PDB file of N, CA and C in Angstrom:
ATOM      1  N   UNK A   1       0.820  -1.192   0.000  1.00  0.00           N
ATOM      2  CA  UNK A   1       0.000   0.000   0.000  1.00  0.00           C
ATOM      3  C   UNK A   1       0.866   1.260   0.000  1.00  0.00           C
ATOM      4  N   UNK A   2       1.955   1.272   0.807  1.00  0.00           N
ATOM      5  CA  UNK A   2       2.831   2.437   0.847  1.00  0.00           C
ATOM      6  C   UNK A   2       3.479   2.681  -0.508  1.00  0.00           C
ATOM      7  N   UNK A   3       3.788   1.604  -1.218  1.00  0.00           N
ATOM      8  CA  UNK A   3       4.413   1.739  -2.528  1.00  0.00           C
ATOM      9  C   UNK A   3       3.451   2.438  -3.500  1.00  0.00           C
ATOM     10  N   UNK A   4       2.155   2.102  -3.464  1.00  0.00           N
ATOM     11  CA  UNK A   4       1.169   2.737  -4.324  1.00  0.00           C
ATOM     12  C   UNK A   4       1.041   4.224  -4.012  1.00  0.00           C
ATOM     13  N   UNK A   5       1.052   4.576  -2.731  1.00  0.00           N
ATOM     14  CA  UNK A   5       0.970   5.981  -2.343  1.00  0.00           C
ATOM     15  C   UNK A   5       2.180   6.755  -2.856  1.00  0.00           C
ATOM     16  N   UNK A   6       3.364   6.142  -2.753  1.00  0.00           N
ATOM     17  CA  UNK A   6       4.584   6.782  -3.215  1.00  0.00           C
ATOM     18  C   UNK A   6       4.534   6.982  -4.729  1.00  0.00           C
ATOM     19  N   UNK A   7       4.061   5.989  -5.457  1.00  0.00           N
ATOM     20  CA  UNK A   7       3.959   6.080  -6.912  1.00  0.00           C
ATOM     21  C   UNK A   7       2.990   7.187  -7.299  1.00  0.00           C
ATOM     22  N   UNK A   8       1.849   7.236  -6.657  1.00  0.00           N
ATOM     23  CA  UNK A   8       0.857   8.275  -6.940  1.00  0.00           C
ATOM     24  C   UNK A   8       1.416   9.645  -6.598  1.00  0.00           C
ATOM     25  N   UNK A   9       2.093   9.768  -5.473  1.00  0.00           N
ATOM     26  CA  UNK A   9       2.687  11.036  -5.075  1.00  0.00           C
ATOM     27  C   UNK A   9       3.727  11.484  -6.094  1.00  0.00           C
ATOM     28  N   UNK A  10       4.581  10.577  -6.552  1.00  0.00           N
ATOM     29  CA  UNK A  10       5.593  10.926  -7.545  1.00  0.00           C
ATOM     30  C   UNK A  10       4.954  11.347  -8.865  1.00  0.00           C
ATOM     31  N   UNK A  11       3.904  10.652  -9.272  1.00  0.00           N
ATOM     32  CA  UNK A  11       3.206  11.037 -10.501  1.00  0.00           C
ATOM     33  C   UNK A  11       2.587  12.423 -10.384  1.00  0.00           C
ATOM     34  N   UNK A  12       1.994  12.702  -9.225  1.00  0.00           N
ATOM     35  CA  UNK A  12       1.410  14.027  -9.018  1.00  0.00           C
ATOM     36  C   UNK A  12       2.470  15.120  -9.032  1.00  0.00           C
ATOM     37  N   UNK A  13       3.579  14.878  -8.370  1.00  0.00           N
ATOM     38  CA  UNK A  13       4.660  15.862  -8.343  1.00  0.00           C
ATOM     39  C   UNK A  13       5.196  16.079  -9.753  1.00  0.00           C
ATOM     40  N   UNK A  14       5.416  15.009 -10.499  1.00  0.00           N
ATOM     41  CA  UNK A  14       5.926  15.120 -11.863  1.00  0.00           C
ATOM     42  C   UNK A  14       4.940  15.886 -12.740  1.00  0.00           C
ATOM     43  N   UNK A  15       3.658  15.558 -12.636  1.00  0.00           N
ATOM     44  CA  UNK A  15       2.642  16.248 -13.432  1.00  0.00           C
ATOM     45  C   UNK A  15       2.594  17.722 -13.092  1.00  0.00           C
ATOM     46  N   UNK A  16       2.677  18.043 -11.817  1.00  0.00           N
ATOM     47  CA  UNK A  16       2.631  19.432 -11.375  1.00  0.00           C
ATOM     48  C   UNK A  16       3.842  20.201 -11.907  1.00  0.00           C
ATOM     49  N   UNK A  17       5.013  19.609 -11.812  1.00  0.00           N
ATOM     50  CA  UNK A  17       6.221  20.281 -12.255  1.00  0.00           C
ATOM     51  C   UNK A  17       6.265  20.419 -13.765  1.00  0.00           C
ATOM     52  N   UNK A  18       5.750  19.458 -14.506  1.00  0.00           N
ATOM     53  CA  UNK A  18       5.822  19.545 -15.961  1.00  0.00           C
ATOM     54  C   UNK A  18       5.001  20.711 -16.489  1.00  0.00           C
ATOM     55  N   UNK A  19       3.988  21.127 -15.753  1.00  0.00           N
ATOM     56  CA  UNK A  19       3.207  22.288 -16.163  1.00  0.00           C
ATOM     57  C   UNK A  19       3.980  23.581 -16.059  1.00  0.00           C
ATOM     58  N   UNK A  20       5.046  23.602 -15.273  1.00  0.00           N
ATOM     59  CA  UNK A  20       5.841  24.806 -15.094  1.00  0.00           C
ATOM     60  C   UNK A  20       7.196  24.717 -15.776  1.00  0.00           C
ATOM     61  N   UNK A  21       7.407  23.679 -16.560  1.00  0.00           N
ATOM     62  CA  UNK A  21       8.723  23.495 -17.160  1.00  0.00           C
ATOM     63  C   UNK A  21       8.981  24.457 -18.308  1.00  0.00           C
ATOM     64  N   UNK A  22       7.945  25.027 -18.893  1.00  0.00           N
ATOM     65  CA  UNK A  22       8.125  25.963 -19.996  1.00  0.00           C
ATOM     66  C   UNK A  22       8.351  27.362 -19.447  1.00  0.00           C
ATOM     67  N   UNK A  23       9.176  28.098 -20.156  1.00  0.00           N
ATOM     68  CA  UNK A  23       9.424  29.474 -19.738  1.00  0.00           C
ATOM     69  C   UNK A  23       8.182  30.314 -20.006  1.00  0.00           C
ATOM     70  N   UNK A  24       8.108  31.451 -19.373  1.00  0.00           N
ATOM     71  CA  UNK A  24       6.975  32.356 -19.574  1.00  0.00           C
ATOM     72  C   UNK A  24       6.907  32.784 -21.040  1.00  0.00           C
ATOM     73  N   UNK A  25       8.054  32.988 -21.668  1.00  0.00           N
ATOM     74  CA  UNK A  25       8.087  33.387 -23.078  1.00  0.00           C
ATOM     75  C   UNK A  25       7.543  32.271 -23.974  1.00  0.00           C
ATOM     76  N   UNK A  26       7.896  31.018 -23.685  1.00  0.00           N
ATOM     77  CA  UNK A  26       7.377  29.893 -24.462  1.00  0.00           C
ATOM     78  C   UNK A  26       5.870  29.774 -24.298  1.00  0.00           C
ATOM     79  N   UNK A  27       5.376  29.992 -23.091  1.00  0.00           N
ATOM     80  CA  UNK A  27       3.935  29.919 -22.860  1.00  0.00           C
ATOM     81  C   UNK A  27       3.217  31.033 -23.625  1.00  0.00           C
ATOM     82  N   UNK A  28       3.799  32.235 -23.668  1.00  0.00           N
ATOM     83  CA  UNK A  28       3.197  33.334 -24.428  1.00  0.00           C
ATOM     84  C   UNK A  28       3.131  32.992 -25.907  1.00  0.00           C
ATOM     85  N   UNK A  29       4.206  32.430 -26.451  1.00  0.00           N
ATOM     86  CA  UNK A  29       4.238  32.089 -27.867  1.00  0.00           C
ATOM     87  C   UNK A  29       3.180  31.066 -28.212  1.00  0.00           C
ATOM     88  N   UNK A  30       2.914  30.121 -27.315  1.00  0.00           N
ATOM     89  CA  UNK A  30       1.903  29.106 -27.578  1.00  0.00           C
ATOM     90  C   UNK A  30       0.505  29.697 -27.638  1.00  0.00           C
ATOM     91  N   UNK A  31       0.237  30.761 -26.906  1.00  0.00           N
ATOM     92  CA  UNK A  31      -1.094  31.342 -26.900  1.00  0.00           C
ATOM     93  C   UNK A  31      -1.265  32.407 -27.976  1.00  0.00           C
ATOM     94  N   UNK A  32      -0.187  32.822 -28.609  1.00  0.00           N
ATOM     95  CA  UNK A  32      -0.289  33.815 -29.671  1.00  0.00           C
ATOM     96  C   UNK A  32      -0.863  33.176 -30.920  1.00  0.00           C
ATOM     97  N   UNK A  33      -1.630  33.967 -31.635  1.00  0.00           N
ATOM     98  CA  UNK A  33      -2.151  33.501 -32.912  1.00  0.00           C
ATOM     99  C   UNK A  33      -2.220  34.700 -33.851  1.00  0.00           C
ATOM    100  N   UNK A  34      -2.121  34.452 -35.142  1.00  0.00           N
ATOM    101  CA  UNK A  34      -2.199  35.570 -36.088  1.00  0.00           C
ATOM    102  C   UNK A  34      -3.535  36.285 -35.957  1.00  0.00           C
ATOM    103  N   UNK A  35      -3.493  37.588 -35.872  1.00  0.00           N
ATOM    104  CA  UNK A  35      -4.709  38.380 -35.693  1.00  0.00           C
ATOM    105  C   UNK A  35      -5.710  38.148 -36.818  1.00  0.00           C
ATOM    106  N   UNK A  36      -5.240  38.051 -38.030  1.00  0.00           N
ATOM    107  CA  UNK A  36      -6.123  37.896 -39.182  1.00  0.00           C
ATOM    108  C   UNK A  36      -6.216  36.451 -39.665  1.00  0.00           C
ATOM    109  N   UNK A  37      -5.686  35.513 -38.882  1.00  0.00           N
ATOM    110  CA  UNK A  37      -5.705  34.109 -39.266  1.00  0.00           C
ATOM    111  C   UNK A  37      -4.677  33.816 -40.340  1.00  0.00           C
ATOM    112  N   UNK A  38      -4.595  32.562 -40.689  1.00  0.00           N
ATOM    113  CA  UNK A  38      -3.689  32.178 -41.772  1.00  0.00           C
ATOM    114  C   UNK A  38      -4.321  32.578 -43.096  1.00  0.00           C
ATOM    115  N   UNK A  39      -3.531  33.176 -43.929  1.00  0.00           N
ATOM    116  CA  UNK A  39      -3.995  33.615 -45.254  1.00  0.00           C
ATOM    117  C   UNK A  39      -5.211  34.553 -45.178  1.00  0.00           C
ATOM    118  N   UNK A  40      -5.291  35.335 -44.123  1.00  0.00           N
ATOM    119  CA  UNK A  40      -6.339  36.354 -43.935  1.00  0.00           C
ATOM    120  C   UNK A  40      -7.749  35.763 -43.865  1.00  0.00           C
ATOM    121  N   UNK A  41      -7.876  34.518 -43.416  1.00  0.00           N
ATOM    122  CA  UNK A  41      -9.204  33.898 -43.345  1.00  0.00           C
ATOM    123  C   UNK A  41     -10.032  34.374 -42.153  1.00  0.00           C
ATOM    124  N   UNK A  42      -9.443  35.166 -41.259  1.00  0.00           N
ATOM    125  CA  UNK A  42     -10.181  35.742 -40.129  1.00  0.00           C
ATOM    126  C   UNK A  42     -10.197  37.262 -40.233  1.00  0.00           C
ATOM    127  N   UNK A  43     -10.332  37.765 -41.455  1.00  0.00           N
ATOM    128  CA  UNK A  43     -10.299  39.216 -41.670  1.00  0.00           C
ATOM    129  C   UNK A  43     -11.366  39.629 -42.672  1.00  0.00           C
ATOM    130  N   UNK A  44     -11.816  40.880 -42.525  1.00  0.00           N
ATOM    131  CA  UNK A  44     -12.681  41.519 -43.518  1.00  0.00           C
ATOM    132  C   UNK A  44     -11.824  42.593 -44.174  1.00  0.00           C
ATOM    133  N   UNK A  45     -11.685  42.523 -45.481  1.00  0.00           N
ATOM    134  CA  UNK A  45     -10.774  43.425 -46.166  1.00  0.00           C
ATOM    135  C   UNK A  45     -11.062  43.448 -47.665  1.00  0.00           C
ATOM    136  N   UNK A  46     -10.505  44.432 -48.340  1.00  0.00           N
ATOM    137  CA  UNK A  46     -10.581  44.540 -49.790  1.00  0.00           C
ATOM    138  C   UNK A  46      -9.504  43.622 -50.371  1.00  0.00           C
ATOM    139  N   UNK A  47      -9.933  42.579 -51.058  1.00  0.00           N
ATOM    140  CA  UNK A  47      -8.988  41.594 -51.592  1.00  0.00           C
ATOM    141  C   UNK A  47      -8.096  42.164 -52.697  1.00  0.00           C
ATOM    142  N   UNK A  48      -8.485  43.281 -53.275  1.00  0.00           N
ATOM    143  CA  UNK A  48      -7.643  43.937 -54.278  1.00  0.00           C
ATOM    144  C   UNK A  48      -6.580  44.808 -53.635  1.00  0.00           C
ATOM    145  N   UNK A  49      -6.656  45.006 -52.329  1.00  0.00           N
ATOM    146  CA  UNK A  49      -5.723  45.886 -51.613  1.00  0.00           C
ATOM    147  C   UNK A  49      -4.757  45.109 -50.716  1.00  0.00           C
ATOM    148  N   UNK A  50      -5.287  44.235 -49.868  1.00  0.00           N
ATOM    149  CA  UNK A  50      -4.481  43.545 -48.853  1.00  0.00           C
ATOM    150  C   UNK A  50      -4.056  42.169 -49.335  1.00  0.00           C
ATOM    151  N   UNK A  51      -2.766  41.849 -49.093  1.00  0.00           N
ATOM    152  CA  UNK A  51      -2.228  40.538 -49.468  1.00  0.00           C
ATOM    153  C   UNK A  51      -1.133  40.149 -48.472  1.00  0.00           C
ATOM    154  N   UNK A  52      -0.893  38.854 -48.357  1.00  0.00           N
ATOM    155  CA  UNK A  52       0.252  38.357 -47.595  1.00  0.00           C
ATOM    156  C   UNK A  52       1.291  37.927 -48.619  1.00  0.00           C
ATOM    157  N   UNK A  53       2.440  38.573 -48.593  1.00  0.00           N
ATOM    158  CA  UNK A  53       3.529  38.264 -49.519  1.00  0.00           C
ATOM    159  C   UNK A  53       4.769  37.921 -48.712  1.00  0.00           C
ATOM    160  N   UNK A  54       5.276  36.706 -48.883  1.00  0.00           N
ATOM    161  CA  UNK A  54       6.456  36.242 -48.139  1.00  0.00           C
ATOM    162  C   UNK A  54       6.290  36.406 -46.633  1.00  0.00           C
ATOM    163  N   UNK A  55       5.077  36.130 -46.142  1.00  0.00           N
ATOM    164  CA  UNK A  55       4.809  36.222 -44.710  1.00  0.00           C
ATOM    165  C   UNK A  55       4.603  37.630 -44.189  1.00  0.00           C
ATOM    166  N   UNK A  56       4.532  38.612 -45.097  1.00  0.00           N
ATOM    167  CA  UNK A  56       4.370  40.011 -44.705  1.00  0.00           C
ATOM    168  C   UNK A  56       3.035  40.515 -45.229  1.00  0.00           C
ATOM    169  N   UNK A  57       2.252  41.127 -44.360  1.00  0.00           N
ATOM    170  CA  UNK A  57       0.975  41.717 -44.738  1.00  0.00           C
ATOM    171  C   UNK A  57       1.244  43.043 -45.439  1.00  0.00           C
ATOM    172  N   UNK A  58       0.742  43.188 -46.656  1.00  0.00           N
ATOM    173  CA  UNK A  58       0.968  44.417 -47.421  1.00  0.00           C
ATOM    174  C   UNK A  58      -0.351  44.950 -47.955  1.00  0.00           C
ATOM    175  N   UNK A  59      -0.382  46.260 -48.174  1.00  0.00           N
ATOM    176  CA  UNK A  59      -1.546  46.920 -48.754  1.00  0.00           C
ATOM    177  C   UNK A  59      -1.087  47.794 -49.910  1.00  0.00           C
ATOM    178  N   UNK A  60      -1.885  47.826 -50.975  1.00  0.00           N
ATOM    179  CA  UNK A  60      -1.556  48.659 -52.123  1.00  0.00           C
ATOM    180  C   UNK A  60      -2.245  50.015 -52.059  1.00  0.00           C
ATOM    181  N   UNK A  61      -3.186  50.170 -51.125  1.00  0.00           N
ATOM    182  CA  UNK A  61      -3.913  51.423 -50.939  1.00  0.00           C
ATOM    183  C   UNK A  61      -4.114  51.671 -49.449  1.00  0.00           C
ATOM    184  N   UNK A  62      -4.528  52.872 -49.101  1.00  0.00           N
ATOM    185  CA  UNK A  62      -4.806  53.233 -47.713  1.00  0.00           C
ATOM    186  C   UNK A  62      -6.236  52.807 -47.374  1.00  0.00           C
ATOM    187  N   UNK A  63      -6.404  51.526 -47.067  1.00  0.00           N
ATOM    188  CA  UNK A  63      -7.719  50.973 -46.730  1.00  0.00           C
ATOM    189  C   UNK A  63      -7.622  50.174 -45.444  1.00  0.00           C
ATOM    190  N   UNK A  64      -8.754  50.023 -44.783  1.00  0.00           N
ATOM    191  CA  UNK A  64      -8.820  49.341 -43.486  1.00  0.00           C
ATOM    192  C   UNK A  64      -8.926  47.833 -43.686  1.00  0.00           C
ATOM    193  N   UNK A  65      -8.304  47.089 -42.773  1.00  0.00           N
ATOM    194  CA  UNK A  65      -8.494  45.641 -42.669  1.00  0.00           C
ATOM    195  C   UNK A  65      -8.998  45.378 -41.248  1.00  0.00           C
ATOM    196  N   UNK A  66     -10.057  44.583 -41.123  1.00  0.00           N
ATOM    197  CA  UNK A  66     -10.676  44.325 -39.819  1.00  0.00           C
ATOM    198  C   UNK A  66     -10.457  42.880 -39.408  1.00  0.00           C
ATOM    199  N   UNK A  67     -10.118  42.663 -38.155  1.00  0.00           N
ATOM    200  CA  UNK A  67     -10.079  41.317 -37.589  1.00  0.00           C
ATOM    201  C   UNK A  67     -11.509  40.901 -37.275  1.00  0.00           C
ATOM    202  N   UNK A  68     -11.831  39.662 -37.547  1.00  0.00           N
ATOM    203  CA  UNK A  68     -13.163  39.141 -37.235  1.00  0.00           C
ATOM    204  C   UNK A  68     -13.173  38.705 -35.775  1.00  0.00           C
ATOM    205  N   UNK A  69     -14.204  39.084 -35.054  1.00  0.00           N
ATOM    206  CA  UNK A  69     -14.337  38.691 -33.658  1.00  0.00           C
ATOM    207  C   UNK A  69     -13.998  39.824 -32.710  1.00  0.00           C
ATOM    208  N   UNK A  70     -14.196  39.546 -31.446  1.00  0.00           N
ATOM    209  CA  UNK A  70     -13.900  40.523 -30.403  1.00  0.00           C
ATOM    210  C   UNK A  70     -12.735  40.021 -29.568  1.00  0.00           C
ATOM    211  N   UNK A  71     -11.929  40.954 -29.095  1.00  0.00           N
ATOM    212  CA  UNK A  71     -10.754  40.626 -28.297  1.00  0.00           C
ATOM    213  C   UNK A  71     -10.743  41.503 -27.059  1.00  0.00           C
ATOM    214  N   UNK A  72     -10.212  40.986 -25.976  1.00  0.00           N
ATOM    215  CA  UNK A  72      -9.983  41.804 -24.793  1.00  0.00           C
ATOM    216  C   UNK A  72      -8.735  41.277 -24.099  1.00  0.00           C
ATOM    217  N   UNK A  73      -8.094  42.156 -23.367  1.00  0.00           N
ATOM    218  CA  UNK A  73      -6.855  41.792 -22.665  1.00  0.00           C
ATOM    219  C   UNK A  73      -5.841  41.172 -23.622  1.00  0.00           C
ATOM    220  N   UNK A  74      -5.555  41.875 -24.699  1.00  0.00           N
ATOM    221  CA  UNK A  74      -4.659  41.340 -25.715  1.00  0.00           C
ATOM    222  C   UNK A  74      -3.363  42.136 -25.777  1.00  0.00           C
ATOM    223  N   UNK A  75      -2.375  41.507 -26.368  1.00  0.00           N
ATOM    224  CA  UNK A  75      -1.104  42.161 -26.660  1.00  0.00           C
ATOM    225  C   UNK A  75      -0.959  42.145 -28.174  1.00  0.00           C
ATOM    226  N   UNK A  76      -0.760  43.301 -28.743  1.00  0.00           N
ATOM    227  CA  UNK A  76      -0.566  43.414 -30.182  1.00  0.00           C
ATOM    228  C   UNK A  76       0.899  43.735 -30.416  1.00  0.00           C
ATOM    229  N   UNK A  77       1.594  42.806 -31.037  1.00  0.00           N
ATOM    230  CA  UNK A  77       3.022  42.942 -31.286  1.00  0.00           C
ATOM    231  C   UNK A  77       3.212  42.983 -32.798  1.00  0.00           C
ATOM    232  N   UNK A  78       3.686  44.120 -33.309  1.00  0.00           N
ATOM    233  CA  UNK A  78       3.835  44.233 -34.754  1.00  0.00           C
ATOM    234  C   UNK A  78       4.989  45.152 -35.118  1.00  0.00           C
ATOM    235  N   UNK A  79       5.431  44.999 -36.322  1.00  0.00           N
ATOM    236  CA  UNK A  79       6.410  45.898 -36.922  1.00  0.00           C
ATOM    237  C   UNK A  79       5.801  46.348 -38.232  1.00  0.00           C
ATOM    238  N   UNK A  80       6.036  47.606 -38.600  1.00  0.00           N
ATOM    239  CA  UNK A  80       5.501  48.035 -39.883  1.00  0.00           C
ATOM    240  C   UNK A  80       6.386  49.093 -40.504  1.00  0.00           C
ATOM    241  N   UNK A  81       6.271  49.193 -41.830  1.00  0.00           N
ATOM    242  CA  UNK A  81       6.940  50.223 -42.614  1.00  0.00           C
ATOM    243  C   UNK A  81       5.847  50.931 -43.396  1.00  0.00           C
ATOM    244  N   UNK A  82       6.030  52.199 -43.621  1.00  0.00           N
ATOM    245  CA  UNK A  82       5.063  52.939 -44.424  1.00  0.00           C
ATOM    246  C   UNK A  82       5.785  53.748 -45.492  1.00  0.00           C
ATOM    247  N   UNK A  83       5.098  53.971 -46.568  1.00  0.00           N
ATOM    248  CA  UNK A  83       5.588  54.870 -47.599  1.00  0.00           C
ATOM    249  C   UNK A  83       5.265  56.292 -47.169  1.00  0.00           C
ATOM    250  N   UNK A  84       5.958  57.229 -47.688  1.00  0.00           N
ATOM    251  CA  UNK A  84       5.709  58.634 -47.383  1.00  0.00           C
ATOM    252  C   UNK A  84       4.256  58.982 -47.713  1.00  0.00           C
ATOM    253  N   UNK A  85       3.589  59.654 -46.779  1.00  0.00           N
ATOM    254  CA  UNK A  85       2.221  60.091 -46.994  1.00  0.00           C
ATOM    255  C   UNK A  85       1.154  59.062 -46.681  1.00  0.00           C
ATOM    256  N   UNK A  86       1.554  57.889 -46.155  1.00  0.00           N
ATOM    257  CA  UNK A  86       0.545  56.880 -45.833  1.00  0.00           C
ATOM    258  C   UNK A  86       0.213  56.920 -44.345  1.00  0.00           C
ATOM    259  N   UNK A  87      -0.876  56.256 -43.985  1.00  0.00           N
ATOM    260  CA  UNK A  87      -1.358  56.237 -42.612  1.00  0.00           C
ATOM    261  C   UNK A  87      -0.790  55.015 -41.902  1.00  0.00           C
ATOM    262  N   UNK A  88      -0.259  55.228 -40.715  1.00  0.00           N
ATOM    263  CA  UNK A  88       0.320  54.117 -39.954  1.00  0.00           C
ATOM    264  C   UNK A  88      -0.524  53.739 -38.749  1.00  0.00           C
ATOM    265  N   UNK A  89      -1.773  54.148 -38.714  1.00  0.00           N
ATOM    266  CA  UNK A  89      -2.609  53.912 -37.549  1.00  0.00           C
ATOM    267  C   UNK A  89      -3.054  52.470 -37.406  1.00  0.00           C
ATOM    268  N   UNK A  90      -3.262  52.068 -36.146  1.00  0.00           N
ATOM    269  CA  UNK A  90      -3.805  50.755 -35.822  1.00  0.00           C
ATOM    270  C   UNK A  90      -5.039  50.990 -34.956  1.00  0.00           C
ATOM    271  N   UNK A  91      -6.166  50.542 -35.439  1.00  0.00           N
ATOM    272  CA  UNK A  91      -7.421  50.699 -34.704  1.00  0.00           C
ATOM    273  C   UNK A  91      -7.501  49.571 -33.683  1.00  0.00           C
ATOM    274  N   UNK A  92      -7.567  49.931 -32.414  1.00  0.00           N
ATOM    275  CA  UNK A  92      -7.600  48.906 -31.365  1.00  0.00           C
ATOM    276  C   UNK A  92      -8.989  48.724 -30.762  1.00  0.00           C
ATOM    277  N   UNK A  93      -9.907  49.619 -31.087  1.00  0.00           N
ATOM    278  CA  UNK A  93     -11.279  49.492 -30.581  1.00  0.00           C
ATOM    279  C   UNK A  93     -12.193  50.245 -31.539  1.00  0.00           C
ATOM    280  N   UNK A  94     -13.321  49.643 -31.902  1.00  0.00           N
ATOM    281  CA  UNK A  94     -14.254  50.296 -32.811  1.00  0.00           C
ATOM    282  C   UNK A  94     -15.672  49.824 -32.521  1.00  0.00           C
ATOM    283  N   UNK A  95     -16.601  50.761 -32.491  1.00  0.00           N
ATOM    284  CA  UNK A  95     -17.999  50.419 -32.236  1.00  0.00           C
ATOM    285  C   UNK A  95     -18.851  50.440 -33.503  1.00  0.00           C
ATOM    286  N   UNK A  96     -18.309  50.972 -34.602  1.00  0.00           N
ATOM    287  CA  UNK A  96     -19.075  51.065 -35.839  1.00  0.00           C
ATOM    288  C   UNK A  96     -18.116  51.014 -37.024  1.00  0.00           C
ATOM    289  N   UNK A  97     -18.003  49.859 -37.647  1.00  0.00           N
ATOM    290  CA  UNK A  97     -17.065  49.698 -38.758  1.00  0.00           C
ATOM    291  C   UNK A  97     -17.439  50.537 -39.976  1.00  0.00           C
ATOM    292  N   UNK A  98     -18.720  50.775 -40.187  1.00  0.00           N
ATOM    293  CA  UNK A  98     -19.149  51.574 -41.336  1.00  0.00           C
ATOM    294  C   UNK A  98     -18.758  53.040 -41.180  1.00  0.00           C
ATOM    295  N   UNK A  99     -18.826  53.561 -39.973  1.00  0.00           N
ATOM    296  CA  UNK A  99     -18.482  54.959 -39.683  1.00  0.00           C
ATOM    297  C   UNK A  99     -17.394  54.950 -38.609  1.00  0.00           C
ATOM    298  N   UNK A 100     -16.249  54.355 -38.929  1.00  0.00           N
ATOM    299  CA  UNK A 100     -15.248  54.031 -37.929  1.00  0.00           C
ATOM    300  C   UNK A 100     -14.444  55.225 -37.442  1.00  0.00           C
ATOM    301  N   UNK A 101     -14.260  56.238 -38.253  1.00  0.00           N
ATOM    302  CA  UNK A 101     -13.359  57.334 -37.847  1.00  0.00           C
ATOM    303  C   UNK A 101     -13.810  57.995 -36.531  1.00  0.00           C
ATOM    304  N   UNK A 102     -15.062  58.400 -36.361  1.00  0.00           N
ATOM    305  CA  UNK A 102     -15.431  59.004 -35.073  1.00  0.00           C
ATOM    306  C   UNK A 102     -15.789  57.981 -33.994  1.00  0.00           C
ATOM    307  N   UNK A 103     -15.784  56.702 -34.347  1.00  0.00           N
ATOM    308  CA  UNK A 103     -16.236  55.655 -33.421  1.00  0.00           C
ATOM    309  C   UNK A 103     -15.148  54.629 -33.094  1.00  0.00           C
ATOM    310  N   UNK A 104     -13.906  55.081 -33.046  1.00  0.00           N
ATOM    311  CA  UNK A 104     -12.822  54.132 -32.810  1.00  0.00           C
ATOM    312  C   UNK A 104     -11.694  54.775 -32.014  1.00  0.00           C
ATOM    313  N   UNK A 105     -10.841  53.915 -31.497  1.00  0.00           N
ATOM    314  CA  UNK A 105      -9.599  54.340 -30.845  1.00  0.00           C
ATOM    315  C   UNK A 105      -8.491  53.858 -31.776  1.00  0.00           C
ATOM    316  N   UNK A 106      -7.710  54.810 -32.268  1.00  0.00           N
ATOM    317  CA  UNK A 106      -6.631  54.495 -33.200  1.00  0.00           C
ATOM    318  C   UNK A 106      -5.309  54.926 -32.603  1.00  0.00           C
ATOM    319  N   UNK A 107      -4.331  54.055 -32.679  1.00  0.00           N
ATOM    320  CA  UNK A 107      -2.991  54.332 -32.156  1.00  0.00           C
ATOM    321  C   UNK A 107      -2.079  54.612 -33.353  1.00  0.00           C
ATOM    322  N   UNK A 108      -1.356  55.691 -33.278  1.00  0.00           N
ATOM    323  CA  UNK A 108      -0.434  56.047 -34.375  1.00  0.00           C
ATOM    324  C   UNK A 108       0.961  55.586 -34.059  1.00  0.00           C
TER     325      UNK A 108
END
């Protein structure tokens, strides 16, 4: 009987520790997902404007791309380049996509 208790205790300890074996950075990477999905399948956008080329999201015009769904408590990690005279804003909250300019929070 003592041997069974020891085996169960060791299994519990091992299971508990294995949940913490990953670094915080590895755990963050596992929960990250592309905002617009793979190949923009979770986005509303003008298909003549937005494209993924070599893993980089590009636009040929100054048009909005929307993520499908609602998000809260998120981290948005991105890098971007802009041409002279283009808009570099990222809309992080919007209540009306049709009339988004006065109904959104945009970060420049």
